[in-house]
Amino acid sequence: MLRAPSNQKPYDTYWSGDPAFVQLGESPTDEAKKEHERVWDLARDTGDFSAVLADKRTLADATKYVMRLVPGHALRKLIDLKSEGKIGNAESSALAFRIALVDVVNFPGLTVKPEPHEDPAFASLGKMLTVDAANQVDAEDIRIIGELGALAYVKALGVRPLSSKG
């Protein structure tokens, strides 16, 4: 069962590069990229992913990422770490992903249960996905954590994707 987008409870999301979804072809135009992004923003905002599914595919074919809102204390620490130059955009997205991830469904390559642990390097951020589990996600495709982590970070900031696009 698909959970609706939420700022209070865990929510389901998907990586746009999953083969269960329509992909941009070779050398897409800027218009095609903007439309693809618009449709994905709408899907994530409403929780209705039917418009992005590839032919003859269902959500059961895709890897589902169950996420929670990054807690305020962790978000503030991430903002401080970035503003102090101690981490960059890629690491802040990865940390947001590790903090927000609650569960993964239909990910055969993930052998480590996504249970939260304290990372000694980032103890002030609270419990999060282990580096080993994050590395297994990266082994599938390094863009997954970048995309979903950036979305988790933006969601925690309270910026809705559709309202921020103008």
N, C-alpha and C. Protein backbone atom coordinates (compact mmCIF):
# COMPACT_ATOMS: atom_id res chain seq x y z
N MET A 1 0.84 -1.17 0.00
CA MET A 1 0.00 0.00 0.00
C MET A 1 0.89 1.24 0.00
N LEU A 2 0.57 2.19 -0.85
CA LEU A 2 1.33 3.42 -0.98
C LEU A 2 0.90 4.41 0.09
N ARG A 3 1.89 4.95 0.81
CA ARG A 3 1.62 5.99 1.80
C ARG A 3 1.67 7.34 1.10
N ALA A 4 0.73 8.21 1.43
CA ALA A 4 0.70 9.54 0.85
C ALA A 4 1.88 10.35 1.36
N PRO A 5 2.32 11.37 0.58
CA PRO A 5 3.38 12.24 1.07
C PRO A 5 2.98 12.84 2.41
N SER A 6 3.94 12.93 3.31
CA SER A 6 3.63 13.41 4.65
C SER A 6 4.82 14.13 5.25
N ASN A 7 4.54 15.11 6.09
CA ASN A 7 5.58 15.74 6.88
C ASN A 7 5.53 15.25 8.32
N GLN A 8 4.59 14.36 8.62
CA GLN A 8 4.41 13.87 9.98
C GLN A 8 4.75 12.39 10.12
N LYS A 9 4.53 11.62 9.09
CA LYS A 9 4.70 10.17 9.13
C LYS A 9 5.60 9.73 7.99
N PRO A 10 6.11 8.50 8.04
CA PRO A 10 6.90 8.01 6.91
C PRO A 10 6.09 8.06 5.61
N TYR A 11 6.80 8.27 4.51
CA TYR A 11 6.18 8.37 3.19
C TYR A 11 6.99 7.53 2.20
N ASP A 12 6.34 7.14 1.12
CA ASP A 12 6.98 6.32 0.09
C ASP A 12 7.45 7.22 -1.05
N THR A 13 8.63 6.92 -1.55
CA THR A 13 9.10 7.61 -2.74
C THR A 13 9.92 6.64 -3.58
N TYR A 14 10.28 7.09 -4.76
CA TYR A 14 10.97 6.25 -5.73
C TYR A 14 12.05 7.07 -6.42
N TRP A 15 13.07 6.37 -6.89
CA TRP A 15 14.14 7.01 -7.65
C TRP A 15 13.69 7.12 -9.10
N SER A 16 13.87 8.28 -9.71
CA SER A 16 13.40 8.50 -11.08
C SER A 16 14.14 7.65 -12.11
N GLY A 17 15.32 7.15 -11.79
CA GLY A 17 16.07 6.32 -12.73
C GLY A 17 15.73 4.85 -12.68
N ASP A 18 14.80 4.46 -11.81
CA ASP A 18 14.39 3.06 -11.71
C ASP A 18 13.80 2.61 -13.05
N PRO A 19 14.17 1.42 -13.54
CA PRO A 19 13.67 0.95 -14.84
C PRO A 19 12.15 0.78 -14.90
N ALA A 20 11.47 0.80 -13.78
CA ALA A 20 10.01 0.70 -13.79
C ALA A 20 9.36 2.01 -14.27
N PHE A 21 10.18 3.06 -14.39
CA PHE A 21 9.64 4.37 -14.76
C PHE A 21 10.12 4.81 -16.13
N VAL A 22 9.35 5.69 -16.75
CA VAL A 22 9.70 6.26 -18.05
C VAL A 22 11.02 7.02 -17.89
N GLN A 23 11.94 6.78 -18.81
CA GLN A 23 13.25 7.43 -18.77
C GLN A 23 13.39 8.39 -19.95
N LEU A 24 14.18 9.41 -19.74
CA LEU A 24 14.50 10.31 -20.85
C LEU A 24 15.38 9.55 -21.83
N GLY A 25 15.18 9.78 -23.10
CA GLY A 25 15.99 9.12 -24.13
C GLY A 25 17.37 9.74 -24.23
N GLU A 26 18.10 9.32 -25.24
CA GLU A 26 19.43 9.88 -25.50
C GLU A 26 19.29 11.34 -25.90
N SER A 27 20.14 12.18 -25.36
CA SER A 27 20.19 13.61 -25.69
C SER A 27 18.82 14.29 -25.65
N PRO A 28 18.15 14.28 -24.51
CA PRO A 28 16.84 14.93 -24.43
C PRO A 28 16.96 16.45 -24.55
N THR A 29 15.94 17.06 -25.07
CA THR A 29 15.92 18.52 -25.19
C THR A 29 15.71 19.13 -23.80
N ASP A 30 15.98 20.40 -23.69
CA ASP A 30 15.74 21.09 -22.42
C ASP A 30 14.26 21.05 -22.06
N GLU A 31 13.41 21.16 -23.06
CA GLU A 31 11.96 21.07 -22.83
C GLU A 31 11.58 19.71 -22.27
N ALA A 32 12.13 18.65 -22.86
CA ALA A 32 11.83 17.29 -22.40
C ALA A 32 12.30 17.09 -20.96
N LYS A 33 13.48 17.63 -20.63
CA LYS A 33 14.00 17.52 -19.27
C LYS A 33 13.08 18.24 -18.28
N LYS A 34 12.64 19.45 -18.65
CA LYS A 34 11.75 20.23 -17.76
C LYS A 34 10.42 19.52 -17.57
N GLU A 35 9.89 18.93 -18.63
CA GLU A 35 8.60 18.22 -18.52
C GLU A 35 8.76 16.98 -17.65
N HIS A 36 9.84 16.25 -17.85
CA HIS A 36 10.13 15.06 -17.04
C HIS A 36 10.21 15.44 -15.56
N GLU A 37 10.91 16.51 -15.27
CA GLU A 37 11.04 16.98 -13.89
C GLU A 37 9.69 17.43 -13.33
N ARG A 38 8.89 18.12 -14.16
CA ARG A 38 7.58 18.59 -13.72
C ARG A 38 6.68 17.41 -13.35
N VAL A 39 6.66 16.38 -14.18
CA VAL A 39 5.82 15.22 -13.93
C VAL A 39 6.29 14.48 -12.66
N TRP A 40 7.59 14.39 -12.48
CA TRP A 40 8.12 13.76 -11.25
C TRP A 40 7.80 14.59 -10.02
N ASP A 41 7.90 15.91 -10.12
CA ASP A 41 7.54 16.77 -8.99
C ASP A 41 6.09 16.56 -8.60
N LEU A 42 5.23 16.49 -9.60
CA LEU A 42 3.81 16.27 -9.35
C LEU A 42 3.58 14.90 -8.69
N ALA A 43 4.24 13.88 -9.19
CA ALA A 43 4.10 12.54 -8.62
C ALA A 43 4.53 12.53 -7.15
N ARG A 44 5.65 13.15 -6.88
CA ARG A 44 6.14 13.16 -5.49
C ARG A 44 5.27 14.02 -4.59
N ASP A 45 4.72 15.09 -5.14
CA ASP A 45 3.88 15.98 -4.34
C ASP A 45 2.54 15.34 -4.00
N THR A 46 2.02 14.54 -4.92
CA THR A 46 0.69 13.94 -4.73
C THR A 46 0.74 12.49 -4.26
N GLY A 47 1.86 11.81 -4.48
CA GLY A 47 1.95 10.40 -4.16
C GLY A 47 1.38 9.51 -5.26
N ASP A 48 0.98 10.10 -6.38
CA ASP A 48 0.44 9.34 -7.51
C ASP A 48 1.53 9.23 -8.58
N PHE A 49 2.13 8.05 -8.67
CA PHE A 49 3.25 7.83 -9.58
C PHE A 49 2.82 7.20 -10.91
N SER A 50 1.52 7.10 -11.15
CA SER A 50 1.03 6.43 -12.36
C SER A 50 1.50 7.12 -13.64
N ALA A 51 1.67 8.43 -13.62
CA ALA A 51 2.07 9.16 -14.83
C ALA A 51 3.53 8.93 -15.21
N VAL A 52 4.33 8.41 -14.29
CA VAL A 52 5.75 8.21 -14.60
C VAL A 52 6.10 6.73 -14.80
N LEU A 53 5.12 5.85 -14.64
CA LEU A 53 5.38 4.42 -14.84
C LEU A 53 5.59 4.10 -16.31
N ALA A 54 6.55 3.23 -16.60
CA ALA A 54 6.79 2.75 -17.95
C ALA A 54 5.65 1.80 -18.35
N ASP A 55 5.49 1.60 -19.65
CA ASP A 55 4.45 0.68 -20.14
C ASP A 55 4.58 -0.69 -19.50
N LYS A 56 3.44 -1.25 -19.13
CA LYS A 56 3.34 -2.60 -18.57
C LYS A 56 4.09 -2.75 -17.25
N ARG A 57 4.31 -1.65 -16.55
CA ARG A 57 4.97 -1.70 -15.26
C ARG A 57 4.02 -1.21 -14.17
N THR A 58 4.24 -1.68 -12.96
CA THR A 58 3.46 -1.21 -11.81
C THR A 58 4.45 -0.75 -10.73
N LEU A 59 3.92 -0.12 -9.71
CA LEU A 59 4.79 0.31 -8.61
C LEU A 59 5.46 -0.88 -7.93
N ALA A 60 4.83 -2.04 -8.00
CA ALA A 60 5.42 -3.24 -7.40
C ALA A 60 6.72 -3.63 -8.10
N ASP A 61 6.93 -3.16 -9.34
CA ASP A 61 8.16 -3.44 -10.07
C ASP A 61 9.32 -2.54 -9.63
N ALA A 62 9.00 -1.44 -8.99
CA ALA A 62 10.01 -0.45 -8.62
C ALA A 62 10.53 -0.68 -7.20
N THR A 63 11.72 -0.17 -6.94
CA THR A 63 12.24 -0.17 -5.57
C THR A 63 11.60 1.00 -4.84
N LYS A 64 11.00 0.69 -3.70
CA LYS A 64 10.32 1.72 -2.90
C LYS A 64 11.22 2.10 -1.74
N TYR A 65 11.37 3.40 -1.54
CA TYR A 65 12.14 3.93 -0.42
C TYR A 65 11.15 4.56 0.55
N VAL A 66 11.10 4.02 1.76
CA VAL A 66 10.23 4.56 2.79
C VAL A 66 11.08 5.56 3.58
N MET A 67 10.63 6.80 3.58
CA MET A 67 11.41 7.88 4.18
C MET A 67 10.62 8.55 5.30
N ARG A 68 11.34 9.24 6.16
CA ARG A 68 10.74 10.08 7.18
C ARG A 68 11.32 11.48 7.02
N LEU A 69 10.69 12.44 7.61
CA LEU A 69 11.21 13.79 7.58
C LEU A 69 12.50 13.85 8.40
N VAL A 70 13.51 14.51 7.87
CA VAL A 70 14.74 14.71 8.62
C VAL A 70 14.39 15.57 9.84
N PRO A 71 14.69 15.08 11.05
CA PRO A 71 14.34 15.85 12.25
C PRO A 71 15.02 17.23 12.27
N GLY A 72 14.36 18.16 12.90
CA GLY A 72 14.86 19.53 12.94
C GLY A 72 16.28 19.67 13.47
N HIS A 73 16.62 18.94 14.55
CA HIS A 73 17.97 19.07 15.11
C HIS A 73 19.02 18.63 14.09
N ALA A 74 18.72 17.58 13.34
CA ALA A 74 19.66 17.07 12.34
C ALA A 74 19.75 18.03 11.15
N LEU A 75 18.63 18.59 10.75
CA LEU A 75 18.63 19.55 9.64
C LEU A 75 19.47 20.78 10.01
N ARG A 76 19.27 21.30 11.21
CA ARG A 76 20.04 22.47 11.63
C ARG A 76 21.54 22.17 11.64
N LYS A 77 21.91 20.97 12.10
CA LYS A 77 23.32 20.59 12.12
C LYS A 77 23.86 20.44 10.69
N LEU A 78 23.06 19.86 9.78
CA LEU A 78 23.48 19.76 8.38
C LEU A 78 23.70 21.15 7.77
N ILE A 79 22.79 22.06 8.06
CA ILE A 79 22.93 23.44 7.55
C ILE A 79 24.21 24.07 8.09
N ASP A 80 24.47 23.90 9.39
CA ASP A 80 25.69 24.44 9.98
C ASP A 80 26.94 23.83 9.35
N LEU A 81 26.94 22.50 9.19
CA LEU A 81 28.10 21.84 8.60
C LEU A 81 28.36 22.34 7.18
N LYS A 82 27.30 22.54 6.40
CA LYS A 82 27.45 23.07 5.04
C LYS A 82 27.95 24.50 5.05
N SER A 83 27.34 25.34 5.88
CA SER A 83 27.71 26.76 5.90
C SER A 83 29.14 26.96 6.41
N GLU A 84 29.62 26.05 7.25
CA GLU A 84 30.99 26.12 7.75
C GLU A 84 31.98 25.49 6.77
N GLY A 85 31.49 24.95 5.68
CA GLY A 85 32.36 24.33 4.68
C GLY A 85 32.90 22.98 5.09
N LYS A 86 32.31 22.36 6.10
CA LYS A 86 32.79 21.05 6.57
C LYS A 86 32.26 19.90 5.72
N ILE A 87 31.13 20.11 5.06
CA ILE A 87 30.58 19.14 4.10
C ILE A 87 30.08 19.90 2.88
N GLY A 88 30.02 19.22 1.77
CA GLY A 88 29.50 19.83 0.55
C GLY A 88 28.10 19.34 0.24
N ASN A 89 27.61 19.69 -0.93
CA ASN A 89 26.25 19.31 -1.33
C ASN A 89 26.07 17.80 -1.42
N ALA A 90 27.06 17.10 -1.96
CA ALA A 90 26.93 15.65 -2.12
C ALA A 90 26.85 14.97 -0.76
N GLU A 91 27.71 15.37 0.18
CA GLU A 91 27.69 14.73 1.49
C GLU A 91 26.44 15.11 2.27
N SER A 92 25.97 16.35 2.13
CA SER A 92 24.75 16.73 2.86
C SER A 92 23.55 15.94 2.32
N SER A 93 23.50 15.71 1.01
CA SER A 93 22.43 14.89 0.44
C SER A 93 22.52 13.45 0.93
N ALA A 94 23.75 12.92 0.97
CA ALA A 94 23.94 11.55 1.43
C ALA A 94 23.54 11.41 2.90
N LEU A 95 23.92 12.38 3.71
CA LEU A 95 23.55 12.33 5.13
C LEU A 95 22.04 12.46 5.30
N ALA A 96 21.41 13.35 4.54
CA ALA A 96 19.95 13.50 4.61
C ALA A 96 19.27 12.18 4.25
N PHE A 97 19.77 11.50 3.21
CA PHE A 97 19.23 10.20 2.81
C PHE A 97 19.40 9.20 3.95
N ARG A 98 20.59 9.14 4.52
CA ARG A 98 20.87 8.17 5.59
C ARG A 98 20.00 8.42 6.81
N ILE A 99 19.72 9.69 7.11
CA ILE A 99 18.87 10.04 8.25
C ILE A 99 17.41 9.73 7.96
N ALA A 100 16.97 10.02 6.74
CA ALA A 100 15.55 9.92 6.39
C ALA A 100 15.09 8.49 6.07
N LEU A 101 15.98 7.64 5.57
CA LEU A 101 15.56 6.31 5.14
C LEU A 101 15.09 5.45 6.31
N VAL A 102 13.89 4.91 6.17
CA VAL A 102 13.30 4.03 7.17
C VAL A 102 13.33 2.57 6.71
N ASP A 103 13.05 2.36 5.42
CA ASP A 103 13.00 1.01 4.88
C ASP A 103 13.16 1.06 3.36
N VAL A 104 13.53 -0.07 2.79
CA VAL A 104 13.64 -0.23 1.34
C VAL A 104 12.90 -1.50 0.98
N VAL A 105 12.07 -1.42 -0.04
CA VAL A 105 11.28 -2.56 -0.49
C VAL A 105 11.64 -2.87 -1.94
N ASN A 106 11.89 -4.15 -2.23
CA ASN A 106 12.18 -4.60 -3.59
C ASN A 106 13.54 -4.10 -4.07
N PHE A 107 14.54 -4.30 -3.25
CA PHE A 107 15.92 -3.94 -3.58
C PHE A 107 16.78 -5.18 -3.34
N PRO A 108 16.87 -6.06 -4.34
CA PRO A 108 17.55 -7.34 -4.15
C PRO A 108 19.02 -7.22 -3.73
N GLY A 109 19.71 -6.16 -4.14
CA GLY A 109 21.12 -6.03 -3.81
C GLY A 109 21.41 -5.55 -2.41
N LEU A 110 20.39 -5.16 -1.67
CA LEU A 110 20.61 -4.65 -0.32
C LEU A 110 20.56 -5.80 0.67
N THR A 111 21.72 -6.13 1.20
CA THR A 111 21.79 -7.25 2.14
C THR A 111 21.85 -6.77 3.59
N VAL A 112 22.08 -5.48 3.79
CA VAL A 112 22.12 -4.92 5.13
C VAL A 112 20.74 -4.31 5.42
N LYS A 113 20.14 -4.71 6.52
CA LYS A 113 18.85 -4.15 6.90
C LYS A 113 19.03 -2.66 7.19
N PRO A 114 18.15 -1.82 6.66
CA PRO A 114 18.32 -0.38 6.88
C PRO A 114 17.88 0.05 8.29
N GLU A 115 18.61 -0.46 9.28
CA GLU A 115 18.33 -0.09 10.66
C GLU A 115 19.24 1.07 11.05
N PRO A 116 18.70 2.04 11.77
CA PRO A 116 19.52 3.20 12.12
C PRO A 116 20.59 2.88 13.17
N HIS A 117 21.74 3.45 12.97
CA HIS A 117 22.87 3.32 13.89
C HIS A 117 23.47 4.72 14.08
N GLU A 118 24.21 4.89 15.14
CA GLU A 118 24.91 6.15 15.33
C GLU A 118 26.22 6.08 14.57
N ASP A 119 26.48 7.09 13.74
CA ASP A 119 27.74 7.18 13.01
C ASP A 119 28.67 8.05 13.84
N PRO A 120 29.79 7.48 14.33
CA PRO A 120 30.68 8.26 15.19
C PRO A 120 31.16 9.57 14.55
N ALA A 121 31.27 9.59 13.24
CA ALA A 121 31.73 10.81 12.56
C ALA A 121 30.66 11.91 12.57
N PHE A 122 29.39 11.50 12.74
CA PHE A 122 28.28 12.47 12.72
C PHE A 122 27.30 12.18 13.85
N ALA A 123 27.83 11.92 15.04
CA ALA A 123 26.99 11.55 16.19
C ALA A 123 25.93 12.61 16.50
N SER A 124 26.24 13.88 16.24
CA SER A 124 25.28 14.95 16.55
C SER A 124 24.05 14.94 15.64
N LEU A 125 24.10 14.17 14.56
CA LEU A 125 22.96 14.08 13.65
C LEU A 125 21.95 13.03 14.09
N GLY A 126 22.30 12.22 15.07
CA GLY A 126 21.39 11.16 15.52
C GLY A 126 21.61 9.89 14.73
N LYS A 127 20.72 8.93 14.93
CA LYS A 127 20.85 7.63 14.26
C LYS A 127 20.50 7.75 12.78
N MET A 128 21.21 6.92 12.00
CA MET A 128 21.02 6.94 10.54
C MET A 128 21.45 5.61 9.94
N LEU A 129 21.15 5.44 8.67
CA LEU A 129 21.56 4.27 7.90
C LEU A 129 23.08 4.13 7.97
N THR A 130 23.56 2.91 8.07
CA THR A 130 25.00 2.69 8.12
C THR A 130 25.66 3.03 6.79
N VAL A 131 26.95 3.30 6.86
CA VAL A 131 27.73 3.57 5.66
C VAL A 131 27.71 2.33 4.76
N ASP A 132 27.80 1.13 5.34
CA ASP A 132 27.78 -0.10 4.55
C ASP A 132 26.49 -0.22 3.73
N ALA A 133 25.36 0.05 4.36
CA ALA A 133 24.09 -0.03 3.64
C ALA A 133 24.02 1.05 2.57
N ALA A 134 24.48 2.25 2.88
CA ALA A 134 24.49 3.33 1.88
C ALA A 134 25.39 2.95 0.70
N ASN A 135 26.51 2.32 0.98
CA ASN A 135 27.41 1.88 -0.09
C ASN A 135 26.76 0.83 -0.98
N GLN A 136 25.92 -0.02 -0.40
CA GLN A 136 25.19 -1.01 -1.22
C GLN A 136 24.20 -0.31 -2.15
N VAL A 137 23.55 0.73 -1.66
CA VAL A 137 22.65 1.51 -2.52
C VAL A 137 23.48 2.18 -3.63
N ASP A 138 24.62 2.76 -3.26
CA ASP A 138 25.50 3.39 -4.26
C ASP A 138 25.97 2.38 -5.31
N ALA A 139 26.20 1.14 -4.90
CA ALA A 139 26.65 0.12 -5.84
C ALA A 139 25.60 -0.16 -6.91
N GLU A 140 24.33 -0.01 -6.55
CA GLU A 140 23.25 -0.17 -7.53
C GLU A 140 23.29 0.99 -8.53
N ASP A 141 23.34 2.21 -8.02
CA ASP A 141 23.50 3.41 -8.85
C ASP A 141 23.77 4.57 -7.91
N ILE A 142 24.89 5.22 -8.10
CA ILE A 142 25.30 6.29 -7.18
C ILE A 142 24.36 7.48 -7.21
N ARG A 143 23.56 7.60 -8.26
CA ARG A 143 22.63 8.74 -8.36
C ARG A 143 21.43 8.60 -7.44
N ILE A 144 21.13 7.41 -6.94
CA ILE A 144 19.95 7.20 -6.09
C ILE A 144 20.03 8.06 -4.83
N ILE A 145 21.12 7.94 -4.10
CA ILE A 145 21.27 8.68 -2.85
C ILE A 145 21.32 10.18 -3.12
N GLY A 146 21.99 10.58 -4.18
CA GLY A 146 22.06 12.01 -4.52
C GLY A 146 20.67 12.61 -4.73
N GLU A 147 19.86 11.92 -5.53
CA GLU A 147 18.52 12.42 -5.84
C GLU A 147 17.60 12.38 -4.62
N LEU A 148 17.50 11.22 -3.99
CA LEU A 148 16.56 11.08 -2.88
C LEU A 148 17.04 11.83 -1.63
N GLY A 149 18.34 11.93 -1.45
CA GLY A 149 18.88 12.70 -0.33
C GLY A 149 18.61 14.18 -0.49
N ALA A 150 18.81 14.69 -1.71
CA ALA A 150 18.52 16.11 -1.96
C ALA A 150 17.04 16.40 -1.74
N LEU A 151 16.19 15.48 -2.17
CA LEU A 151 14.75 15.66 -1.96
C LEU A 151 14.39 15.63 -0.47
N ALA A 152 15.04 14.74 0.30
CA ALA A 152 14.79 14.68 1.74
C ALA A 152 15.24 15.97 2.41
N TYR A 153 16.36 16.51 1.98
CA TYR A 153 16.88 17.76 2.53
C TYR A 153 15.92 18.91 2.24
N VAL A 154 15.49 19.03 1.00
CA VAL A 154 14.57 20.10 0.61
C VAL A 154 13.23 19.96 1.33
N LYS A 155 12.74 18.73 1.46
CA LYS A 155 11.48 18.50 2.17
C LYS A 155 11.60 18.94 3.63
N ALA A 156 12.74 18.66 4.24
CA ALA A 156 12.94 19.06 5.64
C ALA A 156 12.98 20.58 5.78
N LEU A 157 13.47 21.26 4.75
CA LEU A 157 13.50 22.72 4.78
C LEU A 157 12.10 23.32 4.66
N GLY A 158 11.14 22.49 4.26
CA GLY A 158 9.77 22.98 4.09
C GLY A 158 9.50 23.57 2.74
N VAL A 159 10.40 23.33 1.79
CA VAL A 159 10.22 23.84 0.43
C VAL A 159 9.55 22.75 -0.39
N ARG A 160 8.34 23.03 -0.88
CA ARG A 160 7.65 22.05 -1.70
C ARG A 160 8.15 22.19 -3.12
N PRO A 161 8.48 21.09 -3.81
CA PRO A 161 9.02 21.16 -5.17
C PRO A 161 8.15 21.95 -6.13
N LEU A 162 6.85 21.76 -6.11
CA LEU A 162 6.01 22.45 -7.08
C LEU A 162 5.96 23.93 -6.81
N SER A 163 5.87 24.33 -5.55
CA SER A 163 5.75 25.74 -5.23
C SER A 163 7.07 26.48 -5.48
N SER A 164 8.18 25.77 -5.49
CA SER A 164 9.47 26.43 -5.66
C SER A 164 9.83 26.60 -7.14
N LYS A 165 9.08 26.02 -8.03
CA LYS A 165 9.42 26.08 -9.46
C LYS A 165 8.79 27.28 -10.15
N GLY A 166 7.87 27.96 -9.49
CA GLY A 166 7.25 29.17 -10.06
C GLY A 166 6.30 28.96 -11.14
